[in-house]
Amino acid sequence: MDLLEEYRRANFFFESGDPLGAAKLLEPIVEAEPHNTAVRQLLARAYFNSAQLSRAETQLRALIEHDPSDHYAHHVLGRTLERAGRFREALPHLRLALAMKQQTDYQEALRRVEAWLGKSAAE
């Protein structure tokens, strides 16, 4: 198997709106190259986009374990936890991502989770 060619195909599937197809191509690549962060990140995004949230979480936690300063992995993990309704768990990852890199989408995700937590605390 030509891993680079399979990665390119997976990226094409992902960009074409087929995250399930991309994930199927990426899974064996991650097995063969477990420390390849680009492949693992794309697999996590494919899982997120196909609502396979526990699988996305597993990949994102592996990325963070490998590189705790990966702001994007923290952000996507926070978004994954938010999407799963696990707002309290999402909050520290979203805060950390924003502290590491000021980006509008990071700020918006943090505001959403804080607002949600504020609403549930008021109830």
Protein backbone atom coordinates (compact mmCIF):
# COMPACT_ATOMS: atom_id res chain seq x y z
CA MET A 1 0.00 0.00 0.00
CA ASP A 2 1.34 3.42 -0.95
CA LEU A 3 0.56 5.37 2.23
CA LEU A 4 1.10 8.79 0.68
CA GLU A 5 -1.27 8.00 -2.19
CA GLU A 6 -3.87 6.64 0.24
CA TYR A 7 -3.54 9.79 2.36
CA ARG A 8 -4.09 11.95 -0.72
CA ARG A 9 -7.17 9.89 -1.64
CA ALA A 10 -8.48 10.20 1.92
CA ASN A 11 -7.94 13.95 1.85
CA PHE A 12 -9.84 14.13 -1.44
CA PHE A 13 -12.73 12.14 0.06
CA PHE A 14 -12.77 14.40 3.11
CA GLU A 15 -12.69 17.61 1.06
CA SER A 16 -15.42 16.19 -1.20
CA GLY A 17 -17.75 15.74 1.77
CA ASP A 18 -17.27 12.03 2.40
CA PRO A 19 -15.79 11.80 5.91
CA LEU A 20 -16.77 8.12 6.26
CA GLY A 21 -14.87 7.22 3.11
CA ALA A 22 -11.91 9.26 4.29
CA ALA A 23 -11.92 7.55 7.70
CA LYS A 24 -11.88 4.09 6.10
CA LEU A 25 -8.80 5.04 4.11
CA LEU A 26 -7.07 6.74 7.04
CA GLU A 27 -7.52 4.03 9.69
CA PRO A 28 -4.90 1.65 8.24
CA ILE A 29 -2.52 4.56 7.66
CA VAL A 30 -2.73 5.57 11.33
CA GLU A 31 -2.07 1.93 12.27
CA ALA A 32 1.01 1.89 10.05
CA GLU A 33 2.18 5.40 11.03
CA PRO A 34 0.85 6.04 14.58
CA HIS A 35 3.04 9.12 15.14
CA ASN A 36 2.04 10.87 11.92
CA THR A 37 0.09 13.82 13.33
CA ALA A 38 -1.27 15.03 9.98
CA VAL A 39 -2.90 11.68 9.28
CA ARG A 40 -4.24 11.33 12.83
CA GLN A 41 -5.62 14.88 12.73
CA LEU A 42 -7.43 14.25 9.45
CA LEU A 43 -8.82 11.00 10.86
CA ALA A 44 -10.08 12.85 13.94
CA ARG A 45 -11.75 15.46 11.74
CA ALA A 46 -13.31 12.74 9.57
CA TYR A 47 -14.71 11.08 12.69
CA PHE A 48 -15.99 14.44 13.97
CA ASN A 49 -17.65 15.27 10.66
CA SER A 50 -19.31 11.86 10.55
CA ALA A 51 -20.53 12.13 14.17
CA GLN A 52 -18.27 9.34 15.41
CA LEU A 53 -17.50 11.42 18.46
CA SER A 54 -15.91 8.82 20.72
CA ARG A 55 -13.53 7.82 17.93
CA ALA A 56 -12.71 11.49 17.28
CA GLU A 57 -12.06 11.96 21.00
CA THR A 58 -9.66 9.00 21.05
CA GLN A 59 -7.62 10.39 18.14
CA LEU A 60 -7.57 13.92 19.56
CA ARG A 61 -6.44 12.74 23.00
CA ALA A 62 -3.61 10.83 21.31
CA LEU A 63 -2.58 14.01 19.49
CA ILE A 64 -2.63 16.00 22.74
CA GLU A 65 -0.68 13.31 24.57
CA HIS A 66 1.96 13.47 21.84
CA ASP A 67 1.99 17.30 21.79
CA PRO A 68 0.21 19.09 24.67
CA SER A 69 0.79 22.44 22.93
CA ASP A 70 -1.32 21.48 19.88
CA HIS A 71 -3.93 24.24 20.11
CA TYR A 72 -5.93 22.88 17.20
CA ALA A 73 -6.25 19.42 18.79
CA HIS A 74 -7.44 21.05 22.02
CA HIS A 75 -9.97 23.11 20.07
CA VAL A 76 -11.35 20.16 18.12
CA LEU A 77 -11.44 18.02 21.27
CA GLY A 78 -13.40 20.80 22.97
CA ARG A 79 -15.77 20.96 20.00
CA THR A 80 -16.14 17.17 20.05
CA LEU A 81 -17.01 17.20 23.75
CA GLU A 82 -19.37 20.14 23.18
CA ARG A 83 -21.13 18.24 20.41
CA ALA A 84 -21.48 15.26 22.74
CA GLY A 85 -23.12 17.50 25.37
CA ARG A 86 -20.11 17.21 27.70
CA PHE A 87 -19.78 20.97 28.20
CA ARG A 88 -17.85 20.93 31.49
CA GLU A 89 -15.23 18.64 29.95
CA ALA A 90 -15.06 20.80 26.82
CA LEU A 91 -14.46 24.06 28.66
CA PRO A 92 -10.79 23.61 29.69
CA HIS A 93 -9.78 22.46 26.20
CA LEU A 94 -11.52 25.39 24.55
CA ARG A 95 -9.96 27.84 27.03
CA LEU A 96 -6.52 26.38 26.51
CA ALA A 97 -6.82 26.50 22.71
CA LEU A 98 -7.84 30.16 22.83
CA ALA A 99 -5.03 31.00 25.28
CA MET A 100 -2.53 29.42 22.90
CA LYS A 101 -3.92 31.02 19.74
CA GLN A 102 -6.36 33.88 19.36
CA GLN A 103 -8.79 32.84 16.63
CA THR A 104 -12.39 33.86 16.05
CA ASP A 105 -13.72 30.30 15.82
CA TYR A 106 -11.93 29.45 19.07
CA GLN A 107 -13.57 32.45 20.77
CA GLU A 108 -17.01 31.55 19.41
CA ALA A 109 -16.78 27.93 20.59
CA LEU A 110 -15.71 29.06 24.06
CA ARG A 111 -18.59 31.57 24.25
CA ARG A 112 -21.10 28.90 23.22
CA VAL A 113 -19.97 26.47 25.89
CA GLU A 114 -19.79 29.16 28.57
CA ALA A 115 -23.29 30.32 27.65
CA TRP A 116 -24.58 26.77 27.77
CA LEU A 117 -23.01 26.20 31.17
CA GLY A 118 -24.41 29.51 32.38
CA LYS A 119 -27.91 28.48 31.28
CA SER A 120 -27.70 25.09 32.94
CA ALA A 121 -26.38 26.66 36.18
CA ALA A 122 -29.35 29.04 36.23
CA GLU A 123 -31.86 26.19 35.93
